[in-house]
Amino acid sequence: MKNCSHLVLVTLVFCFVGIPVASAGPVNVGDAAPGFELMDQNGETHSLEDYRDKWVALYFYPKDDTPGCTTEACEFRDNIFAFKDLNCQIIGVSLDDFNSHKEFAEKYSLPFPLLADDKGVTADAYGVKTKMFGLTVAKRQTFLIGPDGKVAMHYEKVKPDSHSQQVLSDLQTLQEKLTSN
């Protein structure tokens, strides 16, 4: 029973919004997206510059293998081909370490990079670092970054089960506006 109550507590921790901690401040639409250089679940290093001339759906999430985070990751996974058709790279970021990301990605067959921001530097640069019940994590937020390296959309309120579709829809709209100008 002790283990079960611990699991319930951990699940509850990641279902609620945390208390903000000091960060670099919010990144606004139109701002240059802060650069990063982080290792993914396969041990490869990624930087924002690697994706110049592509759209990037950079989504931050609190913790690997928790209910909301798993739902969100699997929704992005299930829409991977639609994102690729729109020249958009999905990238997940949390404060979990390389090994946690590796297990999470393998368990759910996630075909995109999960970046290990275990020191919280990138979460801090994007203004999404927070405290939940004494743990430092990233808030569940997404930044849609244009091929020019600027933030095109910032999603501060994310519903894990519909977020991927929302980002896809907005990406299509943004691309249509760009081609019509």
N, C-alpha and C. Protein backbone atom coordinates (compact mmCIF):
# COMPACT_ATOMS: atom_id res chain seq x y z
N MET A 1 0.83 -1.19 0.00
CA MET A 1 0.00 0.00 0.00
C MET A 1 0.87 1.26 0.00
N LYS A 2 2.01 1.17 0.64
CA LYS A 2 2.91 2.30 0.71
C LYS A 2 3.36 2.72 -0.70
N ASN A 3 3.73 1.74 -1.54
CA ASN A 3 4.16 2.04 -2.91
C ASN A 3 3.03 2.64 -3.72
N CYS A 4 1.82 2.15 -3.54
CA CYS A 4 0.66 2.66 -4.27
C CYS A 4 0.40 4.12 -3.91
N SER A 5 0.46 4.48 -2.65
CA SER A 5 0.22 5.86 -2.25
C SER A 5 1.33 6.77 -2.76
N HIS A 6 2.55 6.25 -2.86
CA HIS A 6 3.66 7.02 -3.41
C HIS A 6 3.41 7.30 -4.90
N LEU A 7 2.93 6.29 -5.62
CA LEU A 7 2.63 6.45 -7.04
C LEU A 7 1.53 7.48 -7.25
N VAL A 8 0.50 7.44 -6.42
CA VAL A 8 -0.59 8.41 -6.51
C VAL A 8 -0.06 9.82 -6.26
N LEU A 9 0.80 9.98 -5.26
CA LEU A 9 1.38 11.29 -4.96
C LEU A 9 2.20 11.80 -6.13
N VAL A 10 3.04 10.96 -6.71
CA VAL A 10 3.87 11.37 -7.85
C VAL A 10 2.98 11.77 -9.02
N THR A 11 1.94 11.00 -9.29
CA THR A 11 1.01 11.31 -10.37
C THR A 11 0.35 12.66 -10.12
N LEU A 12 -0.09 12.90 -8.89
CA LEU A 12 -0.73 14.18 -8.56
C LEU A 12 0.23 15.34 -8.73
N VAL A 13 1.48 15.14 -8.39
CA VAL A 13 2.49 16.19 -8.51
C VAL A 13 2.52 16.72 -9.94
N PHE A 14 2.45 15.84 -10.92
CA PHE A 14 2.61 16.25 -12.31
C PHE A 14 1.30 16.57 -13.00
N CYS A 15 0.21 16.54 -12.26
CA CYS A 15 -1.08 16.92 -12.82
C CYS A 15 -1.43 18.37 -12.50
N PHE A 16 -0.72 19.00 -11.59
CA PHE A 16 -1.04 20.35 -11.18
C PHE A 16 0.02 21.33 -11.66
N VAL A 17 -0.38 22.58 -11.80
CA VAL A 17 0.54 23.64 -12.18
C VAL A 17 1.41 23.96 -10.98
N GLY A 18 2.68 24.16 -11.23
CA GLY A 18 3.61 24.41 -10.13
C GLY A 18 3.73 25.86 -9.77
N ILE A 19 4.59 26.11 -8.82
CA ILE A 19 4.87 27.46 -8.36
C ILE A 19 6.11 27.93 -9.12
N PRO A 20 6.04 29.08 -9.78
CA PRO A 20 7.18 29.53 -10.57
C PRO A 20 8.43 29.75 -9.73
N VAL A 21 9.57 29.49 -10.34
CA VAL A 21 10.86 29.81 -9.74
C VAL A 21 11.50 30.88 -10.63
N ALA A 22 12.56 31.46 -10.17
CA ALA A 22 13.21 32.50 -10.95
C ALA A 22 13.63 31.96 -12.30
N SER A 23 13.36 32.73 -13.35
CA SER A 23 13.76 32.32 -14.69
C SER A 23 14.12 33.56 -15.48
N ALA A 24 14.56 33.34 -16.70
CA ALA A 24 14.99 34.44 -17.55
C ALA A 24 13.83 35.31 -17.99
N GLY A 25 12.62 34.85 -17.76
CA GLY A 25 11.44 35.60 -18.16
C GLY A 25 10.81 34.98 -19.38
N PRO A 26 9.61 35.45 -19.69
CA PRO A 26 8.90 34.84 -20.81
C PRO A 26 9.54 35.17 -22.15
N VAL A 27 9.40 34.23 -23.06
CA VAL A 27 9.81 34.45 -24.44
C VAL A 27 8.52 34.75 -25.20
N ASN A 28 8.49 35.86 -25.89
CA ASN A 28 7.27 36.32 -26.55
C ASN A 28 7.28 36.03 -28.04
N VAL A 29 6.08 35.97 -28.61
CA VAL A 29 5.95 35.81 -30.05
C VAL A 29 6.69 36.95 -30.72
N GLY A 30 7.48 36.61 -31.73
CA GLY A 30 8.29 37.60 -32.44
C GLY A 30 9.72 37.67 -31.95
N ASP A 31 9.97 37.19 -30.74
CA ASP A 31 11.34 37.16 -30.20
C ASP A 31 12.17 36.10 -30.90
N ALA A 32 13.47 36.33 -30.95
CA ALA A 32 14.38 35.27 -31.39
C ALA A 32 14.32 34.17 -30.34
N ALA A 33 14.15 32.94 -30.79
CA ALA A 33 14.09 31.81 -29.86
C ALA A 33 15.47 31.61 -29.24
N PRO A 34 15.54 31.44 -27.92
CA PRO A 34 16.84 31.20 -27.29
C PRO A 34 17.49 29.92 -27.85
N GLY A 35 18.76 30.00 -28.09
CA GLY A 35 19.50 28.83 -28.58
C GLY A 35 19.68 27.81 -27.47
N PHE A 36 20.00 26.61 -27.86
CA PHE A 36 20.27 25.54 -26.91
C PHE A 36 21.20 24.53 -27.56
N GLU A 37 21.84 23.77 -26.73
CA GLU A 37 22.67 22.65 -27.17
C GLU A 37 22.52 21.56 -26.10
N LEU A 38 21.71 20.56 -26.43
CA LEU A 38 21.37 19.52 -25.46
C LEU A 38 21.45 18.14 -26.11
N MET A 39 21.67 17.13 -25.26
CA MET A 39 21.77 15.75 -25.72
C MET A 39 20.40 15.09 -25.70
N ASP A 40 20.14 14.26 -26.74
CA ASP A 40 18.87 13.55 -26.80
C ASP A 40 19.00 12.14 -26.22
N GLN A 41 17.93 11.36 -26.34
CA GLN A 41 17.86 10.02 -25.78
C GLN A 41 18.81 9.04 -26.46
N ASN A 42 19.37 9.42 -27.61
CA ASN A 42 20.32 8.55 -28.31
C ASN A 42 21.77 9.00 -28.13
N GLY A 43 21.97 10.02 -27.30
CA GLY A 43 23.32 10.52 -27.06
C GLY A 43 23.79 11.52 -28.10
N GLU A 44 22.91 11.96 -28.98
CA GLU A 44 23.26 12.94 -30.01
C GLU A 44 22.95 14.35 -29.49
N THR A 45 23.81 15.29 -29.84
CA THR A 45 23.63 16.68 -29.43
C THR A 45 22.83 17.42 -30.48
N HIS A 46 21.88 18.21 -30.02
CA HIS A 46 21.03 19.02 -30.90
C HIS A 46 21.13 20.48 -30.48
N SER A 47 21.11 21.35 -31.47
CA SER A 47 21.02 22.79 -31.20
C SER A 47 19.91 23.36 -32.06
N LEU A 48 19.38 24.50 -31.67
CA LEU A 48 18.34 25.13 -32.46
C LEU A 48 18.86 25.44 -33.86
N GLU A 49 20.10 25.80 -33.95
CA GLU A 49 20.71 26.13 -35.24
C GLU A 49 20.66 24.95 -36.21
N ASP A 50 20.64 23.72 -35.71
CA ASP A 50 20.54 22.54 -36.57
C ASP A 50 19.26 22.54 -37.40
N TYR A 51 18.27 23.30 -36.95
CA TYR A 51 16.95 23.27 -37.59
C TYR A 51 16.62 24.57 -38.32
N ARG A 52 17.64 25.35 -38.60
CA ARG A 52 17.43 26.58 -39.37
C ARG A 52 16.78 26.19 -40.70
N ASP A 53 15.86 26.98 -41.18
CA ASP A 53 15.10 26.73 -42.41
C ASP A 53 14.02 25.67 -42.24
N LYS A 54 13.75 25.25 -41.00
CA LYS A 54 12.65 24.35 -40.70
C LYS A 54 11.81 25.00 -39.61
N TRP A 55 10.58 24.56 -39.51
CA TRP A 55 9.76 24.91 -38.35
C TRP A 55 10.13 23.95 -37.23
N VAL A 56 10.01 24.41 -36.01
CA VAL A 56 10.30 23.57 -34.84
C VAL A 56 9.15 23.70 -33.85
N ALA A 57 8.59 22.56 -33.46
CA ALA A 57 7.62 22.52 -32.37
C ALA A 57 8.40 22.07 -31.14
N LEU A 58 8.85 23.04 -30.34
CA LEU A 58 9.66 22.79 -29.15
C LEU A 58 8.72 22.73 -27.96
N TYR A 59 8.49 21.50 -27.49
CA TYR A 59 7.54 21.38 -26.38
C TYR A 59 8.25 20.95 -25.10
N PHE A 60 7.96 21.68 -24.05
CA PHE A 60 8.49 21.41 -22.72
C PHE A 60 7.44 20.63 -21.94
N TYR A 61 7.89 19.70 -21.13
CA TYR A 61 6.97 18.91 -20.32
C TYR A 61 7.64 18.58 -18.99
N PRO A 62 6.83 18.31 -17.95
CA PRO A 62 7.39 18.12 -16.61
C PRO A 62 8.21 16.86 -16.38
N LYS A 63 7.71 15.68 -16.80
CA LYS A 63 8.37 14.45 -16.35
C LYS A 63 8.06 13.29 -17.29
N ASP A 64 9.09 12.55 -17.65
CA ASP A 64 8.93 11.35 -18.48
C ASP A 64 7.99 10.35 -17.81
N ASP A 65 7.21 9.68 -18.65
CA ASP A 65 6.41 8.52 -18.25
C ASP A 65 5.37 8.82 -17.17
N THR A 66 4.86 10.04 -17.15
CA THR A 66 3.73 10.39 -16.29
C THR A 66 2.51 10.53 -17.21
N PRO A 67 1.31 10.45 -16.67
CA PRO A 67 0.12 10.37 -17.53
C PRO A 67 -0.01 11.48 -18.58
N GLY A 68 0.00 12.74 -18.17
CA GLY A 68 -0.16 13.83 -19.13
C GLY A 68 0.98 13.93 -20.12
N CYS A 69 2.19 13.70 -19.64
CA CYS A 69 3.37 13.80 -20.50
C CYS A 69 3.38 12.66 -21.53
N THR A 70 2.94 11.48 -21.11
CA THR A 70 2.87 10.35 -22.03
C THR A 70 1.81 10.61 -23.09
N THR A 71 0.65 11.11 -22.68
CA THR A 71 -0.41 11.42 -23.64
C THR A 71 0.08 12.42 -24.67
N GLU A 72 0.70 13.49 -24.20
CA GLU A 72 1.18 14.54 -25.12
C GLU A 72 2.22 13.99 -26.08
N ALA A 73 3.19 13.24 -25.57
CA ALA A 73 4.25 12.67 -26.42
C ALA A 73 3.66 11.73 -27.47
N CYS A 74 2.73 10.90 -27.06
CA CYS A 74 2.13 9.94 -28.00
C CYS A 74 1.27 10.65 -29.05
N GLU A 75 0.63 11.75 -28.69
CA GLU A 75 -0.13 12.53 -29.68
C GLU A 75 0.82 13.13 -30.72
N PHE A 76 1.95 13.67 -30.28
CA PHE A 76 2.94 14.16 -31.25
C PHE A 76 3.45 13.01 -32.11
N ARG A 77 3.73 11.87 -31.49
CA ARG A 77 4.19 10.69 -32.24
C ARG A 77 3.18 10.30 -33.32
N ASP A 78 1.92 10.26 -32.96
CA ASP A 78 0.89 9.82 -33.89
C ASP A 78 0.68 10.79 -35.05
N ASN A 79 1.13 12.03 -34.88
CA ASN A 79 0.99 13.03 -35.95
C ASN A 79 2.33 13.37 -36.62
N ILE A 80 3.33 12.54 -36.40
CA ILE A 80 4.69 12.85 -36.89
C ILE A 80 4.73 13.10 -38.40
N PHE A 81 3.99 12.31 -39.17
CA PHE A 81 4.06 12.47 -40.63
C PHE A 81 3.40 13.77 -41.08
N ALA A 82 2.35 14.20 -40.42
CA ALA A 82 1.72 15.48 -40.74
C ALA A 82 2.68 16.63 -40.45
N PHE A 83 3.43 16.55 -39.35
CA PHE A 83 4.43 17.58 -39.04
C PHE A 83 5.55 17.56 -40.08
N LYS A 84 6.00 16.38 -40.46
CA LYS A 84 7.08 16.29 -41.47
C LYS A 84 6.62 16.87 -42.79
N ASP A 85 5.35 16.63 -43.17
CA ASP A 85 4.81 17.18 -44.41
C ASP A 85 4.82 18.70 -44.40
N LEU A 86 4.77 19.29 -43.21
CA LEU A 86 4.79 20.75 -43.07
C LEU A 86 6.19 21.27 -42.72
N ASN A 87 7.22 20.43 -42.92
CA ASN A 87 8.61 20.82 -42.68
C ASN A 87 8.84 21.28 -41.24
N CYS A 88 8.25 20.51 -40.30
CA CYS A 88 8.35 20.87 -38.89
C CYS A 88 8.95 19.73 -38.09
N GLN A 89 9.97 20.03 -37.31
CA GLN A 89 10.62 19.08 -36.42
C GLN A 89 10.02 19.20 -35.02
N ILE A 90 9.59 18.08 -34.48
CA ILE A 90 9.10 18.03 -33.10
C ILE A 90 10.29 17.75 -32.19
N ILE A 91 10.39 18.51 -31.10
CA ILE A 91 11.45 18.30 -30.11
C ILE A 91 10.83 18.43 -28.72
N GLY A 92 10.99 17.40 -27.90
CA GLY A 92 10.54 17.45 -26.52
C GLY A 92 11.69 17.79 -25.61
N VAL A 93 11.42 18.54 -24.55
CA VAL A 93 12.45 18.92 -23.58
C VAL A 93 11.88 18.80 -22.17
N SER A 94 12.62 18.13 -21.31
CA SER A 94 12.29 18.13 -19.88
C SER A 94 13.60 18.15 -19.10
N LEU A 95 13.48 18.26 -17.80
CA LEU A 95 14.66 18.29 -16.94
C LEU A 95 15.12 16.89 -16.56
N ASP A 96 14.47 15.87 -17.12
CA ASP A 96 14.91 14.49 -16.89
C ASP A 96 16.25 14.26 -17.56
N ASP A 97 16.95 13.22 -17.13
CA ASP A 97 18.27 12.93 -17.69
C ASP A 97 18.17 12.01 -18.92
N PHE A 98 19.32 11.79 -19.53
CA PHE A 98 19.45 10.97 -20.72
C PHE A 98 18.82 9.59 -20.56
N ASN A 99 19.11 8.90 -19.46
CA ASN A 99 18.59 7.54 -19.26
C ASN A 99 17.08 7.51 -19.15
N SER A 100 16.51 8.47 -18.48
CA SER A 100 15.06 8.56 -18.36
C SER A 100 14.43 8.77 -19.74
N HIS A 101 15.02 9.67 -20.53
CA HIS A 101 14.52 9.92 -21.89
C HIS A 101 14.62 8.68 -22.76
N LYS A 102 15.72 7.97 -22.63
CA LYS A 102 15.94 6.76 -23.44
C LYS A 102 14.85 5.73 -23.15
N GLU A 103 14.59 5.48 -21.88
CA GLU A 103 13.55 4.51 -21.49
C GLU A 103 12.17 4.97 -21.96
N PHE A 104 11.86 6.24 -21.79
CA PHE A 104 10.57 6.80 -22.19
C PHE A 104 10.37 6.69 -23.70
N ALA A 105 11.38 7.08 -24.46
CA ALA A 105 11.29 7.04 -25.92
C ALA A 105 11.15 5.61 -26.43
N GLU A 106 11.88 4.69 -25.84
CA GLU A 106 11.79 3.29 -26.26
C GLU A 106 10.44 2.69 -25.90
N LYS A 107 9.96 2.96 -24.70
CA LYS A 107 8.69 2.40 -24.22
C LYS A 107 7.52 2.80 -25.12
N TYR A 108 7.54 4.04 -25.63
CA TYR A 108 6.42 4.55 -26.42
C TYR A 108 6.77 4.78 -27.89
N SER A 109 7.92 4.27 -28.34
CA SER A 109 8.35 4.39 -29.75
C SER A 109 8.26 5.84 -30.23
N LEU A 110 8.87 6.74 -29.49
CA LEU A 110 8.84 8.16 -29.84
C LEU A 110 9.91 8.45 -30.89
N PRO A 111 9.49 8.90 -32.09
CA PRO A 111 10.43 9.06 -33.21
C PRO A 111 11.02 10.46 -33.35
N PHE A 112 11.11 11.18 -32.28
CA PHE A 112 11.66 12.54 -32.31
C PHE A 112 12.57 12.73 -31.11
N PRO A 113 13.45 13.73 -31.16
CA PRO A 113 14.38 13.95 -30.05
C PRO A 113 13.67 14.38 -28.77
N LEU A 114 14.10 13.77 -27.67
CA LEU A 114 13.75 14.22 -26.32
C LEU A 114 15.05 14.73 -25.72
N LEU A 115 15.12 16.02 -25.49
CA LEU A 115 16.36 16.63 -25.03
C LEU A 115 16.43 16.68 -23.51
N ALA A 116 17.58 16.30 -22.99
CA ALA A 116 17.82 16.25 -21.55
C ALA A 116 18.37 17.60 -21.08
N ASP A 117 17.51 18.39 -20.48
CA ASP A 117 17.88 19.69 -19.93
C ASP A 117 18.04 19.53 -18.42
N ASP A 118 18.87 18.58 -18.01
CA ASP A 118 18.96 18.21 -16.60
C ASP A 118 19.48 19.31 -15.69
N LYS A 119 20.10 20.33 -16.24
CA LYS A 119 20.53 21.47 -15.43
C LYS A 119 19.50 22.61 -15.49
N GLY A 120 18.50 22.49 -16.35
CA GLY A 120 17.42 23.46 -16.44
C GLY A 120 17.78 24.76 -17.15
N VAL A 121 18.90 24.79 -17.84
CA VAL A 121 19.35 26.03 -18.48
C VAL A 121 18.41 26.45 -19.61
N THR A 122 17.99 25.51 -20.44
CA THR A 122 17.10 25.84 -21.55
C THR A 122 15.71 26.18 -21.04
N ALA A 123 15.20 25.42 -20.08
CA ALA A 123 13.90 25.73 -19.49
C ALA A 123 13.92 27.13 -18.89
N ASP A 124 15.02 27.50 -18.27
CA ASP A 124 15.17 28.83 -17.70
C ASP A 124 15.17 29.89 -18.80
N ALA A 125 15.89 29.63 -19.89
CA ALA A 125 15.97 30.59 -20.99
C ALA A 125 14.61 30.85 -21.63
N TYR A 126 13.76 29.83 -21.64
CA TYR A 126 12.42 29.97 -22.21
C TYR A 126 11.38 30.40 -21.16
N GLY A 127 11.81 30.54 -19.92
CA GLY A 127 10.91 31.01 -18.86
C GLY A 127 9.89 29.98 -18.42
N VAL A 128 10.23 28.69 -18.54
CA VAL A 128 9.26 27.64 -18.20
C VAL A 128 9.68 26.81 -16.99
N LYS A 129 10.76 27.17 -16.34
CA LYS A 129 11.18 26.41 -15.16
C LYS A 129 10.23 26.72 -14.01
N THR A 130 9.86 25.68 -13.26
CA THR A 130 8.91 25.85 -12.16
C THR A 130 9.22 24.84 -11.07
N LYS A 131 8.61 25.03 -9.92
CA LYS A 131 8.70 24.08 -8.80
C LYS A 131 7.34 23.45 -8.60
N MET A 132 7.33 22.14 -8.45
CA MET A 132 6.11 21.42 -8.10
C MET A 132 6.43 20.53 -6.92
N PHE A 133 5.81 20.83 -5.79
CA PHE A 133 6.01 20.03 -4.59
C PHE A 133 7.49 19.80 -4.28
N GLY A 134 8.26 20.85 -4.44
CA GLY A 134 9.68 20.79 -4.11
C GLY A 134 10.59 20.30 -5.24
N LEU A 135 10.02 19.83 -6.35
CA LEU A 135 10.82 19.37 -7.48
C LEU A 135 10.89 20.47 -8.54
N THR A 136 12.04 20.68 -9.13
CA THR A 136 12.16 21.63 -10.22
C THR A 136 11.89 20.88 -11.52
N VAL A 137 10.94 21.39 -12.29
CA VAL A 137 10.54 20.78 -13.56
C VAL A 137 10.27 21.89 -14.58
N ALA A 138 9.99 21.48 -15.81
CA ALA A 138 9.57 22.42 -16.84
C ALA A 138 8.04 22.45 -16.88
N LYS A 139 7.48 23.63 -17.06
CA LYS A 139 6.04 23.75 -17.27
C LYS A 139 5.69 23.13 -18.62
N ARG A 140 4.46 22.66 -18.73
CA ARG A 140 3.98 22.12 -20.00
C ARG A 140 3.62 23.30 -20.91
N GLN A 141 4.57 23.69 -21.75
CA GLN A 141 4.38 24.79 -22.70
C GLN A 141 5.09 24.44 -24.00
N THR A 142 4.61 25.03 -25.08
CA THR A 142 5.20 24.77 -26.40
C THR A 142 5.51 26.09 -27.09
N PHE A 143 6.60 26.07 -27.84
CA PHE A 143 7.00 27.21 -28.66
C PHE A 143 7.10 26.71 -30.10
N LEU A 144 6.32 27.32 -30.98
CA LEU A 144 6.42 27.02 -32.41
C LEU A 144 7.38 28.05 -32.98
N ILE A 145 8.50 27.57 -33.47
CA ILE A 145 9.58 28.44 -33.94
C ILE A 145 9.64 28.37 -35.46
N GLY A 146 9.66 29.54 -36.09
CA GLY A 146 9.69 29.61 -37.54
C GLY A 146 11.07 29.32 -38.11
N PRO A 147 11.13 29.13 -39.42
CA PRO A 147 12.41 28.87 -40.08
C PRO A 147 13.43 30.00 -39.90
N ASP A 148 12.93 31.19 -39.54
CA ASP A 148 13.80 32.34 -39.30
C ASP A 148 14.37 32.36 -37.88
N GLY A 149 13.99 31.37 -37.06
CA GLY A 149 14.50 31.30 -35.69
C GLY A 149 13.71 32.14 -34.69
N LYS A 150 12.58 32.69 -35.13
CA LYS A 150 11.75 33.51 -34.23
C LYS A 150 10.54 32.72 -33.76
N VAL A 151 10.08 33.05 -32.56
CA VAL A 151 8.91 32.39 -31.99
C VAL A 151 7.67 32.88 -32.73
N ALA A 152 6.97 31.93 -33.36
CA ALA A 152 5.76 32.26 -34.12
C ALA A 152 4.50 32.08 -33.26
N MET A 153 4.55 31.12 -32.34
CA MET A 153 3.42 30.86 -31.43
C MET A 153 3.99 30.40 -30.10
N HIS A 154 3.29 30.77 -29.03
CA HIS A 154 3.65 30.30 -27.69
C HIS A 154 2.38 29.79 -27.04
N TYR A 155 2.41 28.53 -26.68
CA TYR A 155 1.26 27.89 -26.05
C TYR A 155 1.54 27.77 -24.55
N GLU A 156 0.87 28.61 -23.78
CA GLU A 156 1.07 28.58 -22.33
C GLU A 156 0.13 27.62 -21.64
N LYS A 157 -1.02 27.38 -22.23
CA LYS A 157 -2.01 26.44 -21.68
C LYS A 157 -2.10 25.27 -22.66
N VAL A 158 -1.72 24.10 -22.20
CA VAL A 158 -1.65 22.94 -23.08
C VAL A 158 -2.53 21.82 -22.53
N LYS A 159 -3.39 21.30 -23.38
CA LYS A 159 -4.18 20.10 -23.06
C LYS A 159 -3.48 18.93 -23.76
N PRO A 160 -2.88 18.02 -23.01
CA PRO A 160 -2.08 16.96 -23.61
C PRO A 160 -2.77 16.16 -24.71
N ASP A 161 -4.08 15.92 -24.58
CA ASP A 161 -4.75 15.06 -25.54
C ASP A 161 -5.17 15.75 -26.83
N SER A 162 -5.06 17.07 -26.92
CA SER A 162 -5.45 17.77 -28.15
C SER A 162 -4.39 18.75 -28.64
N HIS A 163 -3.31 18.87 -27.92
CA HIS A 163 -2.30 19.89 -28.22
C HIS A 163 -1.63 19.68 -29.58
N SER A 164 -1.27 18.48 -29.91
CA SER A 164 -0.61 18.20 -31.18
C SER A 164 -1.46 18.68 -32.35
N GLN A 165 -2.76 18.41 -32.31
CA GLN A 165 -3.68 18.84 -33.37
C GLN A 165 -3.76 20.36 -33.43
N GLN A 166 -3.75 21.00 -32.26
CA GLN A 166 -3.81 22.46 -32.21
C GLN A 166 -2.57 23.06 -32.88
N VAL A 167 -1.39 22.52 -32.56
CA VAL A 167 -0.15 23.02 -33.15
C VAL A 167 -0.16 22.80 -34.66
N LEU A 168 -0.60 21.63 -35.10
CA LEU A 168 -0.68 21.34 -36.54
C LEU A 168 -1.59 22.34 -37.25
N SER A 169 -2.75 22.59 -36.69
CA SER A 169 -3.69 23.52 -37.29
C SER A 169 -3.10 24.93 -37.39
N ASP A 170 -2.47 25.38 -36.30
CA ASP A 170 -1.86 26.71 -36.31
C ASP A 170 -0.69 26.78 -37.29
N LEU A 171 0.07 25.71 -37.39
CA LEU A 171 1.20 25.67 -38.32
C LEU A 171 0.69 25.79 -39.76
N GLN A 172 -0.37 25.07 -40.08
CA GLN A 172 -0.95 25.16 -41.42
C GLN A 172 -1.42 26.58 -41.72
N THR A 173 -2.08 27.20 -40.76
CA THR A 173 -2.58 28.56 -40.92
C THR A 173 -1.42 29.54 -41.13
N LEU A 174 -0.39 29.41 -40.31
CA LEU A 174 0.79 30.30 -40.45
C LEU A 174 1.44 30.13 -41.82
N GLN A 175 1.58 28.90 -42.27
CA GLN A 175 2.22 28.65 -43.56
C GLN A 175 1.36 29.18 -44.71
N GLU A 176 0.05 29.07 -44.60
CA GLU A 176 -0.84 29.59 -45.63
C GLU A 176 -0.72 31.11 -45.69
N LYS A 177 -0.65 31.77 -44.54
CA LYS A 177 -0.49 33.23 -44.51
C LYS A 177 0.82 33.66 -45.16
N LEU A 178 1.89 32.91 -44.89
CA LEU A 178 3.19 33.25 -45.46
C LEU A 178 3.19 33.09 -46.98
N THR A 179 2.55 32.06 -47.49
CA THR A 179 2.55 31.84 -48.94
C THR A 179 1.61 32.80 -49.66
N SER A 180 0.60 33.34 -48.95
CA SER A 180 -0.33 34.26 -49.60
C SER A 180 0.20 35.69 -49.60
N ASN A 181 1.24 35.97 -48.85
CA ASN A 181 1.82 37.33 -48.80
C ASN A 181 2.82 37.55 -49.88
